[in-house]
């Protein structure tokens, strides 16, 4: 019996170490935590996300952009996530006529363009990674923010950008008109971009409302990480010590200038 316990302990230690290694591949000093325990944690080669059964969307997604992940333009072939059951995710037909009726796109949480250089780019088109995002926001300031993150890489400014992103549900929104299952449409979105320089972390954080205009400047929507934590119920960089977390919090928007914000 003692031998069996020892074997089980070794297996669990190995699993924990492997899980931590996988998480650190996508997240800087810990993936977001605070989502319901009923969520499904989906880990892929290019991102990790926490899928919520109630909303049918991810509470958060995290990914790491490098020069090797960015590539050419790719097609958008929408599919339900095969790792989720039918009652845990939306289907392609649920988005029919949404653009015409409520003016929403299929908005990527993990951007396709940031991973089109990998063999796994198709996984960004799984609906677990998609949310109903207003067209003006998706094609305007949100797109420009994602482009600014990639530009840090393509310009040679940094070698890697860590990103965490997710929805907010702070007011009721009109549902997808053709969806045949319960779901929630976000009222806004948050995004945190971070880089590591030696022992220092530089970051910029943003909250954009669904109704943000197409021509809006994402720089005007900067927020402290504490505001995103309060409004999303999540915690970030939690593998840092308390003093280290305080140091990050007390050096707000240190990455904003590199993203083009004054």
C-alpha atoms as a PDB file:
ATOM      1  CA  UNK A   1       0.000   0.000   0.000  1.00  0.00           C
ATOM      2  CA  UNK A   2       2.842   2.369   0.872  1.00  0.00           C
ATOM      3  CA  UNK A   3       4.398   1.617  -2.503  1.00  0.00           C
ATOM      4  CA  UNK A   4       1.139   2.524  -4.266  1.00  0.00           C
ATOM      5  CA  UNK A   5       0.957   5.842  -2.428  1.00  0.00           C
ATOM      6  CA  UNK A   6       4.539   6.593  -3.438  1.00  0.00           C
ATOM      7  CA  UNK A   7       3.754   5.828  -7.096  1.00  0.00           C
ATOM      8  CA  UNK A   8       0.626   7.989  -6.974  1.00  0.00           C
ATOM      9  CA  UNK A   9       2.584  10.835  -5.391  1.00  0.00           C
ATOM     10  CA  UNK A  10       5.225  10.659  -8.114  1.00  0.00           C
ATOM     11  CA  UNK A  11       2.534  10.691 -10.810  1.00  0.00           C
ATOM     12  CA  UNK A  12       0.835  13.705  -9.249  1.00  0.00           C
ATOM     13  CA  UNK A  13       4.158  15.541  -8.884  1.00  0.00           C
ATOM     14  CA  UNK A  14       4.935  14.833 -12.531  1.00  0.00           C
ATOM     15  CA  UNK A  15       1.485  15.976 -13.618  1.00  0.00           C
ATOM     16  CA  UNK A  16       1.765  19.163 -11.556  1.00  0.00           C
ATOM     17  CA  UNK A  17       5.193  19.965 -12.974  1.00  0.00           C
ATOM     18  CA  UNK A  18       3.998  19.300 -16.511  1.00  0.00           C
ATOM     19  CA  UNK A  19       0.869  21.391 -15.961  1.00  0.00           C
ATOM     20  CA  UNK A  20       2.938  24.263 -14.570  1.00  0.00           C
ATOM     21  CA  UNK A  21       5.294  24.048 -17.551  1.00  0.00           C
ATOM     22  CA  UNK A  22       2.372  24.175 -19.987  1.00  0.00           C
ATOM     23  CA  UNK A  23       0.824  27.129 -18.183  1.00  0.00           C
ATOM     24  CA  UNK A  24       4.108  29.053 -18.096  1.00  0.00           C
ATOM     25  CA  UNK A  25       4.372  28.620 -21.865  1.00  0.00           C
ATOM     26  CA  UNK A  26       1.305  30.824 -22.336  1.00  0.00           C
ATOM     27  CA  UNK A  27       1.175  32.896 -19.140  1.00  0.00           C
ATOM     28  CA  UNK A  28       3.620  35.198 -17.388  1.00  0.00           C
ATOM     29  CA  UNK A  29       3.779  34.501 -13.645  1.00  0.00           C
ATOM     30  CA  UNK A  30       0.559  32.541 -13.615  1.00  0.00           C
ATOM     31  CA  UNK A  31      -2.562  32.279 -15.724  1.00  0.00           C
ATOM     32  CA  UNK A  32      -5.635  34.204 -14.552  1.00  0.00           C
ATOM     33  CA  UNK A  33      -7.560  32.526 -11.775  1.00  0.00           C
ATOM     34  CA  UNK A  34     -10.930  33.107 -10.173  1.00  0.00           C
ATOM     35  CA  UNK A  35     -13.216  31.510 -12.781  1.00  0.00           C
ATOM     36  CA  UNK A  36     -15.903  29.019 -11.685  1.00  0.00           C
ATOM     37  CA  UNK A  37     -14.665  25.513 -10.943  1.00  0.00           C
ATOM     38  CA  UNK A  38     -17.189  24.202 -13.470  1.00  0.00           C
ATOM     39  CA  UNK A  39     -15.274  25.875 -16.308  1.00  0.00           C
ATOM     40  CA  UNK A  40     -13.381  23.787 -18.829  1.00  0.00           C
ATOM     41  CA  UNK A  41      -9.656  24.587 -19.045  1.00  0.00           C
ATOM     42  CA  UNK A  42      -8.576  24.207 -22.666  1.00  0.00           C
ATOM     43  CA  UNK A  43      -4.832  24.024 -23.282  1.00  0.00           C
ATOM     44  CA  UNK A  44      -3.458  24.076 -26.819  1.00  0.00           C
ATOM     45  CA  UNK A  45      -0.027  24.557 -28.338  1.00  0.00           C
ATOM     46  CA  UNK A  46      -0.707  28.261 -28.930  1.00  0.00           C
ATOM     47  CA  UNK A  47      -3.072  29.358 -26.150  1.00  0.00           C
ATOM     48  CA  UNK A  48      -4.899  28.465 -22.983  1.00  0.00           C
ATOM     49  CA  UNK A  49      -8.457  29.501 -22.111  1.00  0.00           C
ATOM     50  CA  UNK A  50     -11.153  28.930 -19.510  1.00  0.00           C
ATOM     51  CA  UNK A  51     -14.507  28.133 -21.127  1.00  0.00           C
ATOM     52  CA  UNK A  52     -17.650  28.997 -19.171  1.00  0.00           C
ATOM     53  CA  UNK A  53     -20.624  26.627 -19.528  1.00  0.00           C
ATOM     54  CA  UNK A  54     -23.134  29.364 -18.640  1.00  0.00           C
ATOM     55  CA  UNK A  55     -22.009  32.080 -21.025  1.00  0.00           C
ATOM     56  CA  UNK A  56     -20.777  29.613 -23.711  1.00  0.00           C
ATOM     57  CA  UNK A  57     -17.702  31.851 -24.010  1.00  0.00           C
ATOM     58  CA  UNK A  58     -14.243  31.912 -22.451  1.00  0.00           C
ATOM     59  CA  UNK A  59     -13.855  33.870 -19.213  1.00  0.00           C
ATOM     60  CA  UNK A  60     -10.250  34.482 -20.212  1.00  0.00           C
ATOM     61  CA  UNK A  61      -7.647  33.468 -22.755  1.00  0.00           C
ATOM     62  CA  UNK A  62      -3.867  33.765 -22.522  1.00  0.00           C
ATOM     63  CA  UNK A  63      -1.197  33.498 -25.192  1.00  0.00           C
ATOM     64  CA  UNK A  64       2.406  34.359 -26.045  1.00  0.00           C
ATOM     65  CA  UNK A  65       3.311  36.073 -29.330  1.00  0.00           C
ATOM     66  CA  UNK A  66       6.761  35.637 -30.860  1.00  0.00           C
ATOM     67  CA  UNK A  67       8.293  36.209 -34.291  1.00  0.00           C
ATOM     68  CA  UNK A  68       7.703  32.530 -35.099  1.00  0.00           C
ATOM     69  CA  UNK A  69       3.949  32.678 -34.413  1.00  0.00           C
ATOM     70  CA  UNK A  70       3.132  35.613 -36.713  1.00  0.00           C
ATOM     71  CA  UNK A  71       2.506  34.710 -40.345  1.00  0.00           C
ATOM     72  CA  UNK A  72       0.428  35.270 -43.494  1.00  0.00           C
ATOM     73  CA  UNK A  73      -3.279  35.920 -43.741  1.00  0.00           C
ATOM     74  CA  UNK A  74      -5.470  32.834 -43.209  1.00  0.00           C
ATOM     75  CA  UNK A  75      -9.105  31.871 -43.798  1.00  0.00           C
ATOM     76  CA  UNK A  76     -11.722  31.967 -41.073  1.00  0.00           C
ATOM     77  CA  UNK A  77     -13.310  28.523 -40.972  1.00  0.00           C
ATOM     78  CA  UNK A  78     -15.580  28.603 -37.920  1.00  0.00           C
ATOM     79  CA  UNK A  79     -16.078  25.337 -36.033  1.00  0.00           C
ATOM     80  CA  UNK A  80     -17.357  24.291 -32.601  1.00  0.00           C
ATOM     81  CA  UNK A  81     -14.564  23.259 -30.282  1.00  0.00           C
ATOM     82  CA  UNK A  82     -14.284  19.439 -30.463  1.00  0.00           C
ATOM     83  CA  UNK A  83     -13.057  19.384 -26.872  1.00  0.00           C
ATOM     84  CA  UNK A  84     -16.393  20.692 -25.598  1.00  0.00           C
ATOM     85  CA  UNK A  85     -19.804  19.023 -25.613  1.00  0.00           C
ATOM     86  CA  UNK A  86     -22.695  20.530 -27.579  1.00  0.00           C
ATOM     87  CA  UNK A  87     -24.227  22.144 -24.487  1.00  0.00           C
ATOM     88  CA  UNK A  88     -20.948  23.855 -23.527  1.00  0.00           C
ATOM     89  CA  UNK A  89     -20.258  25.897 -26.648  1.00  0.00           C
ATOM     90  CA  UNK A  90     -21.943  27.834 -29.427  1.00  0.00           C
ATOM     91  CA  UNK A  91     -22.192  26.550 -32.992  1.00  0.00           C
ATOM     92  CA  UNK A  92     -21.524  28.336 -36.306  1.00  0.00           C
ATOM     93  CA  UNK A  93     -25.270  28.673 -37.024  1.00  0.00           C
ATOM     94  CA  UNK A  94     -25.744  30.575 -33.759  1.00  0.00           C
ATOM     95  CA  UNK A  95     -23.954  33.543 -35.326  1.00  0.00           C
ATOM     96  CA  UNK A  96     -26.143  33.669 -38.459  1.00  0.00           C
ATOM     97  CA  UNK A  97     -27.425  37.186 -39.298  1.00  0.00           C
ATOM     98  CA  UNK A  98     -25.841  38.574 -36.119  1.00  0.00           C
ATOM     99  CA  UNK A  99     -23.856  41.082 -38.120  1.00  0.00           C
ATOM    100  CA  UNK A 100     -26.948  42.397 -39.919  1.00  0.00           C
ATOM    101  CA  UNK A 101     -29.257  42.434 -36.900  1.00  0.00           C
ATOM    102  CA  UNK A 102     -27.140  43.361 -33.865  1.00  0.00           C
ATOM    103  CA  UNK A 103     -23.942  44.424 -35.697  1.00  0.00           C
ATOM    104  CA  UNK A 104     -21.580  41.905 -34.135  1.00  0.00           C
ATOM    105  CA  UNK A 105     -18.642  39.993 -35.618  1.00  0.00           C
ATOM    106  CA  UNK A 106     -17.147  36.699 -34.569  1.00  0.00           C
ATOM    107  CA  UNK A 107     -14.412  38.296 -32.499  1.00  0.00           C
ATOM    108  CA  UNK A 108     -11.283  36.301 -31.694  1.00  0.00           C
ATOM    109  CA  UNK A 109     -10.021  36.438 -28.128  1.00  0.00           C
ATOM    110  CA  UNK A 110      -6.731  34.897 -29.284  1.00  0.00           C
ATOM    111  CA  UNK A 111      -6.063  36.687 -32.592  1.00  0.00           C
ATOM    112  CA  UNK A 112      -5.702  34.546 -35.707  1.00  0.00           C
ATOM    113  CA  UNK A 113      -3.101  36.950 -37.126  1.00  0.00           C
ATOM    114  CA  UNK A 114      -0.873  36.433 -34.093  1.00  0.00           C
ATOM    115  CA  UNK A 115      -0.637  32.674 -34.756  1.00  0.00           C
ATOM    116  CA  UNK A 116      -1.062  32.347 -38.527  1.00  0.00           C
ATOM    117  CA  UNK A 117       2.608  31.373 -38.765  1.00  0.00           C
ATOM    118  CA  UNK A 118       2.036  28.186 -36.766  1.00  0.00           C
ATOM    119  CA  UNK A 119       0.647  24.799 -37.751  1.00  0.00           C
ATOM    120  CA  UNK A 120      -2.102  25.300 -35.167  1.00  0.00           C
ATOM    121  CA  UNK A 121      -3.664  28.517 -36.507  1.00  0.00           C
ATOM    122  CA  UNK A 122      -6.975  26.757 -37.247  1.00  0.00           C
ATOM    123  CA  UNK A 123      -7.576  26.353 -33.516  1.00  0.00           C
ATOM    124  CA  UNK A 124      -8.037  30.109 -33.180  1.00  0.00           C
ATOM    125  CA  UNK A 125     -11.236  29.684 -35.238  1.00  0.00           C
ATOM    126  CA  UNK A 126     -12.854  27.314 -32.733  1.00  0.00           C
ATOM    127  CA  UNK A 127     -15.915  29.006 -31.265  1.00  0.00           C
ATOM    128  CA  UNK A 128     -14.568  28.545 -27.726  1.00  0.00           C
ATOM    129  CA  UNK A 129     -12.130  31.313 -28.710  1.00  0.00           C
ATOM    130  CA  UNK A 130     -14.811  33.529 -30.290  1.00  0.00           C
ATOM    131  CA  UNK A 131     -17.202  36.054 -28.761  1.00  0.00           C
ATOM    132  CA  UNK A 132     -19.968  38.223 -30.273  1.00  0.00           C
ATOM    133  CA  UNK A 133     -18.026  41.481 -30.572  1.00  0.00           C
ATOM    134  CA  UNK A 134     -19.488  44.656 -32.039  1.00  0.00           C
ATOM    135  CA  UNK A 135     -18.151  45.231 -35.551  1.00  0.00           C
ATOM    136  CA  UNK A 136     -17.001  48.785 -34.835  1.00  0.00           C
ATOM    137  CA  UNK A 137     -14.970  47.635 -31.832  1.00  0.00           C
ATOM    138  CA  UNK A 138     -13.640  44.465 -33.471  1.00  0.00           C
ATOM    139  CA  UNK A 139     -12.573  46.178 -36.691  1.00  0.00           C
ATOM    140  CA  UNK A 140     -11.486  49.411 -35.018  1.00  0.00           C
ATOM    141  CA  UNK A 141      -9.637  49.960 -31.725  1.00  0.00           C
ATOM    142  CA  UNK A 142      -9.518  46.275 -30.727  1.00  0.00           C
ATOM    143  CA  UNK A 143      -7.865  45.343 -34.019  1.00  0.00           C
ATOM    144  CA  UNK A 144      -5.419  48.242 -33.676  1.00  0.00           C
ATOM    145  CA  UNK A 145      -4.503  47.136 -30.152  1.00  0.00           C
ATOM    146  CA  UNK A 146      -3.777  43.617 -31.394  1.00  0.00           C
ATOM    147  CA  UNK A 147      -1.731  45.039 -34.264  1.00  0.00           C
ATOM    148  CA  UNK A 148       0.252  47.203 -31.849  1.00  0.00           C
ATOM    149  CA  UNK A 149       1.148  44.097 -29.831  1.00  0.00           C
ATOM    150  CA  UNK A 150       2.409  42.315 -32.951  1.00  0.00           C
ATOM    151  CA  UNK A 151       4.345  45.390 -34.041  1.00  0.00           C
ATOM    152  CA  UNK A 152       6.431  45.137 -30.870  1.00  0.00           C
ATOM    153  CA  UNK A 153       7.624  41.797 -32.242  1.00  0.00           C
ATOM    154  CA  UNK A 154       7.975  42.623 -35.937  1.00  0.00           C
ATOM    155  CA  UNK A 155       9.844  45.856 -35.151  1.00  0.00           C
ATOM    156  CA  UNK A 156      12.312  43.905 -33.048  1.00  0.00           C
ATOM    157  CA  UNK A 157      11.446  45.868 -29.922  1.00  0.00           C
ATOM    158  CA  UNK A 158      10.916  42.702 -27.864  1.00  0.00           C
ATOM    159  CA  UNK A 159      11.191  38.958 -28.450  1.00  0.00           C
ATOM    160  CA  UNK A 160       7.889  37.959 -26.807  1.00  0.00           C
ATOM    161  CA  UNK A 161       4.624  39.555 -25.746  1.00  0.00           C
ATOM    162  CA  UNK A 162       2.362  37.854 -23.220  1.00  0.00           C
ATOM    163  CA  UNK A 163      -1.336  38.642 -23.510  1.00  0.00           C
ATOM    164  CA  UNK A 164      -4.371  37.937 -21.360  1.00  0.00           C
ATOM    165  CA  UNK A 165      -7.836  38.918 -22.481  1.00  0.00           C
ATOM    166  CA  UNK A 166     -11.484  38.317 -21.688  1.00  0.00           C
ATOM    167  CA  UNK A 167     -15.057  39.616 -21.595  1.00  0.00           C
ATOM    168  CA  UNK A 168     -17.006  41.636 -19.050  1.00  0.00           C
ATOM    169  CA  UNK A 169     -20.724  41.273 -18.292  1.00  0.00           C
ATOM    170  CA  UNK A 170     -21.679  44.539 -16.616  1.00  0.00           C
ATOM    171  CA  UNK A 171     -24.974  45.227 -18.382  1.00  0.00           C
ATOM    172  CA  UNK A 172     -27.531  43.263 -20.364  1.00  0.00           C
ATOM    173  CA  UNK A 173     -26.815  42.919 -24.063  1.00  0.00           C
ATOM    174  CA  UNK A 174     -29.004  41.739 -26.912  1.00  0.00           C
ATOM    175  CA  UNK A 175     -28.428  38.004 -27.531  1.00  0.00           C
ATOM    176  CA  UNK A 176     -27.457  36.401 -30.814  1.00  0.00           C
ATOM    177  CA  UNK A 177     -30.722  36.382 -32.800  1.00  0.00           C
ATOM    178  CA  UNK A 178     -30.351  32.866 -34.231  1.00  0.00           C
ATOM    179  CA  UNK A 179     -28.818  31.105 -31.238  1.00  0.00           C
ATOM    180  CA  UNK A 180     -30.901  28.161 -30.050  1.00  0.00           C
ATOM    181  CA  UNK A 181     -29.229  27.840 -26.651  1.00  0.00           C
ATOM    182  CA  UNK A 182     -28.752  30.109 -23.666  1.00  0.00           C
ATOM    183  CA  UNK A 183     -25.677  32.336 -23.741  1.00  0.00           C
ATOM    184  CA  UNK A 184     -24.488  35.798 -22.766  1.00  0.00           C
ATOM    185  CA  UNK A 185     -23.141  38.588 -24.961  1.00  0.00           C
ATOM    186  CA  UNK A 186     -20.344  40.607 -23.300  1.00  0.00           C
ATOM    187  CA  UNK A 187     -20.806  44.299 -22.535  1.00  0.00           C
ATOM    188  CA  UNK A 188     -17.073  44.941 -22.837  1.00  0.00           C
ATOM    189  CA  UNK A 189     -13.588  43.460 -22.934  1.00  0.00           C
ATOM    190  CA  UNK A 190     -10.288  43.735 -21.110  1.00  0.00           C
ATOM    191  CA  UNK A 191      -6.769  43.014 -22.335  1.00  0.00           C
ATOM    192  CA  UNK A 192      -3.410  42.967 -20.555  1.00  0.00           C
ATOM    193  CA  UNK A 193      -0.170  42.981 -22.559  1.00  0.00           C
ATOM    194  CA  UNK A 194       3.115  42.324 -20.782  1.00  0.00           C
ATOM    195  CA  UNK A 195       6.794  41.782 -21.508  1.00  0.00           C
ATOM    196  CA  UNK A 196       9.650  40.670 -19.291  1.00  0.00           C
ATOM    197  CA  UNK A 197      12.965  42.522 -19.334  1.00  0.00           C
ATOM    198  CA  UNK A 198      15.354  40.809 -16.961  1.00  0.00           C
ATOM    199  CA  UNK A 199      13.508  40.737 -13.649  1.00  0.00           C
ATOM    200  CA  UNK A 200      11.248  43.621 -14.625  1.00  0.00           C
ATOM    201  CA  UNK A 201       7.712  43.377 -15.995  1.00  0.00           C
ATOM    202  CA  UNK A 202       6.308  46.067 -18.240  1.00  0.00           C
ATOM    203  CA  UNK A 203       2.619  46.043 -19.001  1.00  0.00           C
ATOM    204  CA  UNK A 204      -0.300  47.957 -20.402  1.00  0.00           C
ATOM    205  CA  UNK A 205      -3.924  47.185 -19.597  1.00  0.00           C
ATOM    206  CA  UNK A 206      -7.160  48.259 -21.263  1.00  0.00           C
ATOM    207  CA  UNK A 207     -10.939  48.018 -20.895  1.00  0.00           C
ATOM    208  CA  UNK A 208     -13.087  48.776 -23.934  1.00  0.00           C
ATOM    209  CA  UNK A 209     -16.872  48.873 -23.913  1.00  0.00           C
ATOM    210  CA  UNK A 210     -18.781  46.992 -26.621  1.00  0.00           C
ATOM    211  CA  UNK A 211     -20.105  50.284 -27.966  1.00  0.00           C
ATOM    212  CA  UNK A 212     -16.664  51.854 -28.395  1.00  0.00           C
ATOM    213  CA  UNK A 213     -16.545  53.616 -31.756  1.00  0.00           C
ATOM    214  CA  UNK A 214     -14.621  52.363 -34.770  1.00  0.00           C
ATOM    215  CA  UNK A 215     -12.345  55.396 -34.802  1.00  0.00           C
ATOM    216  CA  UNK A 216     -11.593  55.397 -31.076  1.00  0.00           C
ATOM    217  CA  UNK A 217      -7.986  55.372 -29.868  1.00  0.00           C
ATOM    218  CA  UNK A 218      -7.325  52.342 -27.650  1.00  0.00           C
ATOM    219  CA  UNK A 219      -4.772  54.421 -25.738  1.00  0.00           C
ATOM    220  CA  UNK A 220      -7.651  56.365 -24.172  1.00  0.00           C
ATOM    221  CA  UNK A 221      -8.962  53.199 -22.497  1.00  0.00           C
ATOM    222  CA  UNK A 222      -6.013  52.338 -20.268  1.00  0.00           C
ATOM    223  CA  UNK A 223      -6.863  50.980 -16.817  1.00  0.00           C
ATOM    224  CA  UNK A 224      -4.825  49.686 -13.860  1.00  0.00           C
ATOM    225  CA  UNK A 225      -4.704  45.926 -13.440  1.00  0.00           C
ATOM    226  CA  UNK A 226      -6.531  46.343 -10.128  1.00  0.00           C
ATOM    227  CA  UNK A 227      -9.544  47.731 -12.025  1.00  0.00           C
ATOM    228  CA  UNK A 228      -9.639  44.699 -14.321  1.00  0.00           C
ATOM    229  CA  UNK A 229      -9.323  42.373 -11.322  1.00  0.00           C
ATOM    230  CA  UNK A 230     -12.184  44.124  -9.569  1.00  0.00           C
ATOM    231  CA  UNK A 231     -14.470  44.136 -12.594  1.00  0.00           C
ATOM    232  CA  UNK A 232     -13.679  40.652 -13.891  1.00  0.00           C
ATOM    233  CA  UNK A 233     -13.277  38.832 -10.568  1.00  0.00           C
ATOM    234  CA  UNK A 234      -9.948  37.418 -11.762  1.00  0.00           C
ATOM    235  CA  UNK A 235      -6.400  37.711 -10.455  1.00  0.00           C
ATOM    236  CA  UNK A 236      -3.229  38.147 -12.500  1.00  0.00           C
ATOM    237  CA  UNK A 237       0.522  37.634 -11.976  1.00  0.00           C
ATOM    238  CA  UNK A 238      -0.362  35.716  -8.798  1.00  0.00           C
ATOM    239  CA  UNK A 239       2.838  33.655  -8.877  1.00  0.00           C
ATOM    240  CA  UNK A 240       4.735  36.794  -7.909  1.00  0.00           C
ATOM    241  CA  UNK A 241       5.234  37.564  -4.242  1.00  0.00           C
ATOM    242  CA  UNK A 242       3.000  40.212  -2.695  1.00  0.00           C
ATOM    243  CA  UNK A 243       5.781  42.806  -2.850  1.00  0.00           C
ATOM    244  CA  UNK A 244       6.518  41.941  -6.477  1.00  0.00           C
ATOM    245  CA  UNK A 245       2.840  42.260  -7.365  1.00  0.00           C
ATOM    246  CA  UNK A 246       2.787  45.644  -5.652  1.00  0.00           C
ATOM    247  CA  UNK A 247       5.828  46.724  -7.668  1.00  0.00           C
ATOM    248  CA  UNK A 248       4.023  45.809 -10.906  1.00  0.00           C
ATOM    249  CA  UNK A 249       0.873  47.596  -9.779  1.00  0.00           C
ATOM    250  CA  UNK A 250       2.875  50.693  -8.824  1.00  0.00           C
ATOM    251  CA  UNK A 251       4.478  50.900 -12.251  1.00  0.00           C
ATOM    252  CA  UNK A 252       1.301  51.211 -14.317  1.00  0.00           C
ATOM    253  CA  UNK A 253       1.155  51.299 -18.111  1.00  0.00           C
ATOM    254  CA  UNK A 254       4.947  51.008 -18.437  1.00  0.00           C
ATOM    255  CA  UNK A 255       4.454  49.330 -21.821  1.00  0.00           C
ATOM    256  CA  UNK A 256       1.983  51.899 -23.134  1.00  0.00           C
ATOM    257  CA  UNK A 257       4.599  54.102 -24.779  1.00  0.00           C
ATOM    258  CA  UNK A 258       5.969  51.215 -26.825  1.00  0.00           C
ATOM    259  CA  UNK A 259       2.407  50.553 -28.054  1.00  0.00           C
ATOM    260  CA  UNK A 260       2.180  54.110 -29.386  1.00  0.00           C
ATOM    261  CA  UNK A 261       0.428  55.718 -26.434  1.00  0.00           C
ATOM    262  CA  UNK A 262       1.721  59.044 -25.083  1.00  0.00           C
END
